[in-house]
Amino acid sequence: MTKEELDFLIQQGEGYNLEYLLPHPIIEASDIYFGISFARPDLQKMSVEQRIKEYKNVPENVPENVPENRPTLICQLMKNNSSITVLELAKKIRVNEKTIKRDIDNLKKDGSIRRIGPDKGGYWEVITASP
């Protein structure tokens, strides 16, 4: 088995771990075979909430992607990088590009930002810090 094939198997196992919130799979490989063993949780002993706490490592009570904070965050990112793209904003804030476009339209209507120049080659001007 090549290193690339083994890396691929490891990636598949990691995806399984993230999707189902289970412990890491055990991957065994030799020149003639490979095997992947997945631990099956006892659902009577460990609830979904318990698995999330144990395997996902997400801090409790942390608001993620609160819509009220997004316009302020967009303005801050535009101040830091006036040539930031919609795609970059979407990735940094972890929302869909359509959401960013809608927020930008609202920020333009509020007079908080404006676009100077064309979509490609232009830049953002932040007029007020937040709406």
C-alpha atoms as a PDB file:
ATOM      1  CA  MET A   1       0.000   0.000   0.000  1.00  0.00           C
ATOM      2  CA  THR A   2       1.381   3.382  -0.968  1.00  0.00           C
ATOM      3  CA  LYS A   3       1.610   6.372   1.353  1.00  0.00           C
ATOM      4  CA  GLU A   4      -1.022   8.170  -0.724  1.00  0.00           C
ATOM      5  CA  GLU A   5      -3.455   5.265  -0.361  1.00  0.00           C
ATOM      6  CA  LEU A   6      -2.877   5.117   3.370  1.00  0.00           C
ATOM      7  CA  ASP A   7      -3.339   8.897   3.695  1.00  0.00           C
ATOM      8  CA  PHE A   8      -6.608   8.586   1.775  1.00  0.00           C
ATOM      9  CA  LEU A   9      -7.847   5.913   4.178  1.00  0.00           C
ATOM     10  CA  ILE A  10      -6.912   8.038   7.170  1.00  0.00           C
ATOM     11  CA  GLN A  11      -8.822  11.007   5.704  1.00  0.00           C
ATOM     12  CA  GLN A  12     -11.878   8.804   5.193  1.00  0.00           C
ATOM     13  CA  GLY A  13     -11.686   7.670   8.782  1.00  0.00           C
ATOM     14  CA  GLU A  14     -11.388  11.262  10.022  1.00  0.00           C
ATOM     15  CA  GLY A  15     -14.505  12.182   8.049  1.00  0.00           C
ATOM     16  CA  TYR A  16     -16.353   9.316   9.679  1.00  0.00           C
ATOM     17  CA  ASN A  17     -15.215  10.563  13.069  1.00  0.00           C
ATOM     18  CA  LEU A  18     -16.413  14.123  12.394  1.00  0.00           C
ATOM     19  CA  GLU A  19     -19.721  13.146  10.817  1.00  0.00           C
ATOM     20  CA  TYR A  20     -20.841  10.640  13.414  1.00  0.00           C
ATOM     21  CA  LEU A  21     -18.908  11.983  16.412  1.00  0.00           C
ATOM     22  CA  LEU A  22     -17.231   8.668  17.150  1.00  0.00           C
ATOM     23  CA  PRO A  23     -13.725   7.774  18.307  1.00  0.00           C
ATOM     24  CA  HIS A  24     -10.986   7.571  15.682  1.00  0.00           C
ATOM     25  CA  PRO A  25     -11.007   4.372  13.627  1.00  0.00           C
ATOM     26  CA  ILE A  26      -8.160   1.886  13.839  1.00  0.00           C
ATOM     27  CA  ILE A  27      -6.385   1.477  10.497  1.00  0.00           C
ATOM     28  CA  GLU A  28      -4.145  -1.514   9.872  1.00  0.00           C
ATOM     29  CA  ALA A  29      -2.210  -2.040   6.656  1.00  0.00           C
ATOM     30  CA  SER A  30       0.424  -4.348   5.220  1.00  0.00           C
ATOM     31  CA  ASP A  31       1.699  -5.214   1.755  1.00  0.00           C
ATOM     32  CA  ILE A  32      -1.220  -7.561   1.091  1.00  0.00           C
ATOM     33  CA  TYR A  33      -4.197  -6.198   3.041  1.00  0.00           C
ATOM     34  CA  PHE A  34      -5.661  -3.271   4.920  1.00  0.00           C
ATOM     35  CA  GLY A  35      -8.383  -3.042   7.503  1.00  0.00           C
ATOM     36  CA  ILE A  36     -10.360  -0.314   9.172  1.00  0.00           C
ATOM     37  CA  SER A  37     -12.110  -0.918  12.479  1.00  0.00           C
ATOM     38  CA  PHE A  38     -14.742   1.497  13.742  1.00  0.00           C
ATOM     39  CA  ALA A  39     -15.702   1.566  17.387  1.00  0.00           C
ATOM     40  CA  ARG A  40     -19.434   1.312  17.774  1.00  0.00           C
ATOM     41  CA  PRO A  41     -20.661   3.322  20.753  1.00  0.00           C
ATOM     42  CA  ASP A  42     -23.103   1.845  23.198  1.00  0.00           C
ATOM     43  CA  LEU A  43     -25.956   4.271  22.623  1.00  0.00           C
ATOM     44  CA  GLN A  44     -27.539   3.142  25.890  1.00  0.00           C
ATOM     45  CA  LYS A  45     -24.512   4.473  27.793  1.00  0.00           C
ATOM     46  CA  MET A  46     -23.545   7.545  25.781  1.00  0.00           C
ATOM     47  CA  SER A  47     -26.080   9.996  24.396  1.00  0.00           C
ATOM     48  CA  VAL A  48     -25.490  12.182  21.350  1.00  0.00           C
ATOM     49  CA  GLU A  49     -24.941  15.160  23.657  1.00  0.00           C
ATOM     50  CA  GLN A  50     -22.278  13.252  25.585  1.00  0.00           C
ATOM     51  CA  ARG A  51     -20.540  12.210  22.347  1.00  0.00           C
ATOM     52  CA  ILE A  52     -20.570  15.835  21.171  1.00  0.00           C
ATOM     53  CA  LYS A  53     -18.921  16.952  24.419  1.00  0.00           C
ATOM     54  CA  GLU A  54     -16.327  14.187  24.350  1.00  0.00           C
ATOM     55  CA  TYR A  55     -15.367  14.047  20.684  1.00  0.00           C
ATOM     56  CA  LYS A  56     -16.158  17.411  19.131  1.00  0.00           C
ATOM     57  CA  ASN A  57     -14.228  19.655  21.550  1.00  0.00           C
ATOM     58  CA  VAL A  58     -16.626  22.574  21.137  1.00  0.00           C
ATOM     59  CA  PRO A  59     -16.679  25.056  24.016  1.00  0.00           C
ATOM     60  CA  GLU A  60     -20.041  25.395  25.683  1.00  0.00           C
ATOM     61  CA  ASN A  61     -22.153  28.551  25.519  1.00  0.00           C
ATOM     62  CA  VAL A  62     -20.169  30.135  22.699  1.00  0.00           C
ATOM     63  CA  PRO A  63     -22.485  31.758  20.156  1.00  0.00           C
ATOM     64  CA  GLU A  64     -21.401  30.806  16.673  1.00  0.00           C
ATOM     65  CA  ASN A  65     -22.177  33.031  13.732  1.00  0.00           C
ATOM     66  CA  VAL A  66     -24.722  35.294  15.419  1.00  0.00           C
ATOM     67  CA  PRO A  67     -26.524  37.259  12.675  1.00  0.00           C
ATOM     68  CA  GLU A  68     -26.507  40.473  14.730  1.00  0.00           C
ATOM     69  CA  ASN A  69     -22.689  40.432  14.911  1.00  0.00           C
ATOM     70  CA  ARG A  70     -22.080  39.690  11.226  1.00  0.00           C
ATOM     71  CA  PRO A  71     -22.326  43.258   9.849  1.00  0.00           C
ATOM     72  CA  THR A  72     -19.835  44.497  12.448  1.00  0.00           C
ATOM     73  CA  LEU A  73     -17.496  41.614  11.666  1.00  0.00           C
ATOM     74  CA  ILE A  74     -17.777  42.271   7.918  1.00  0.00           C
ATOM     75  CA  CYS A  75     -16.877  45.941   8.478  1.00  0.00           C
ATOM     76  CA  GLN A  76     -13.881  44.967  10.623  1.00  0.00           C
ATOM     77  CA  LEU A  77     -12.630  42.511   8.011  1.00  0.00           C
ATOM     78  CA  MET A  78     -13.061  45.129   5.281  1.00  0.00           C
ATOM     79  CA  LYS A  79     -11.121  47.689   7.349  1.00  0.00           C
ATOM     80  CA  ASN A  80      -8.287  45.196   7.788  1.00  0.00           C
ATOM     81  CA  ASN A  81      -8.276  44.213   4.107  1.00  0.00           C
ATOM     82  CA  SER A  82     -10.081  46.629   1.791  1.00  0.00           C
ATOM     83  CA  SER A  83      -9.718  44.264  -1.180  1.00  0.00           C
ATOM     84  CA  ILE A  84     -11.279  41.247   0.576  1.00  0.00           C
ATOM     85  CA  THR A  85     -13.646  39.235  -1.621  1.00  0.00           C
ATOM     86  CA  VAL A  86     -17.134  37.936  -0.888  1.00  0.00           C
ATOM     87  CA  LEU A  87     -15.773  34.382  -0.978  1.00  0.00           C
ATOM     88  CA  GLU A  88     -13.050  35.240   1.553  1.00  0.00           C
ATOM     89  CA  LEU A  89     -15.610  36.900   3.833  1.00  0.00           C
ATOM     90  CA  ALA A  90     -17.879  33.863   3.590  1.00  0.00           C
ATOM     91  CA  LYS A  91     -15.030  31.506   4.505  1.00  0.00           C
ATOM     92  CA  LYS A  92     -13.832  33.623   7.430  1.00  0.00           C
ATOM     93  CA  ILE A  93     -17.306  34.118   8.868  1.00  0.00           C
ATOM     94  CA  ARG A  94     -18.435  30.577   7.949  1.00  0.00           C
ATOM     95  CA  VAL A  95     -21.596  31.457   6.087  1.00  0.00           C
ATOM     96  CA  ASN A  96     -22.824  31.104   2.529  1.00  0.00           C
ATOM     97  CA  GLU A  97     -21.739  33.652  -0.086  1.00  0.00           C
ATOM     98  CA  LYS A  98     -25.396  34.634  -0.597  1.00  0.00           C
ATOM     99  CA  THR A  99     -25.608  35.569   3.083  1.00  0.00           C
ATOM    100  CA  ILE A 100     -22.537  37.796   2.738  1.00  0.00           C
ATOM    101  CA  LYS A 101     -23.939  39.422  -0.410  1.00  0.00           C
ATOM    102  CA  ARG A 102     -27.215  40.128   1.385  1.00  0.00           C
ATOM    103  CA  ASP A 103     -25.369  41.597   4.382  1.00  0.00           C
ATOM    104  CA  ILE A 104     -23.211  43.738   2.060  1.00  0.00           C
ATOM    105  CA  ASP A 105     -26.335  45.031   0.292  1.00  0.00           C
ATOM    106  CA  ASN A 106     -27.793  46.000   3.678  1.00  0.00           C
ATOM    107  CA  LEU A 107     -24.536  47.673   4.727  1.00  0.00           C
ATOM    108  CA  LYS A 108     -24.513  49.655   1.465  1.00  0.00           C
ATOM    109  CA  LYS A 109     -28.149  50.734   2.008  1.00  0.00           C
ATOM    110  CA  ASP A 110     -27.308  51.818   5.576  1.00  0.00           C
ATOM    111  CA  GLY A 111     -24.386  53.857   4.255  1.00  0.00           C
ATOM    112  CA  SER A 112     -21.882  51.866   6.311  1.00  0.00           C
ATOM    113  CA  ILE A 113     -19.755  50.768   3.331  1.00  0.00           C
ATOM    114  CA  ARG A 114     -19.315  51.452  -0.336  1.00  0.00           C
ATOM    115  CA  ARG A 115     -17.451  49.819  -3.178  1.00  0.00           C
ATOM    116  CA  ILE A 116     -14.818  51.906  -4.948  1.00  0.00           C
ATOM    117  CA  GLY A 117     -14.035  50.644  -8.430  1.00  0.00           C
ATOM    118  CA  PRO A 118     -15.078  47.431 -10.173  1.00  0.00           C
ATOM    119  CA  ASP A 119     -15.696  44.035  -8.531  1.00  0.00           C
ATOM    120  CA  LYS A 120     -12.283  42.913  -9.730  1.00  0.00           C
ATOM    121  CA  GLY A 121      -9.603  45.419  -8.851  1.00  0.00           C
ATOM    122  CA  GLY A 122     -11.738  47.663  -6.659  1.00  0.00           C
ATOM    123  CA  TYR A 123     -11.785  47.972  -2.889  1.00  0.00           C
ATOM    124  CA  TRP A 124     -14.143  48.483   0.040  1.00  0.00           C
ATOM    125  CA  GLU A 125     -14.425  51.743   1.916  1.00  0.00           C
ATOM    126  CA  VAL A 126     -15.850  51.470   5.432  1.00  0.00           C
ATOM    127  CA  ILE A 127     -17.685  54.674   6.248  1.00  0.00           C
ATOM    128  CA  THR A 128     -18.952  53.698   9.714  1.00  0.00           C
ATOM    129  CA  ALA A 129     -17.735  50.837  11.896  1.00  0.00           C
ATOM    130  CA  SER A 130     -21.137  49.155  12.131  1.00  0.00           C
ATOM    131  CA  PRO A 131     -24.725  49.859  11.183  1.00  0.00           C
END
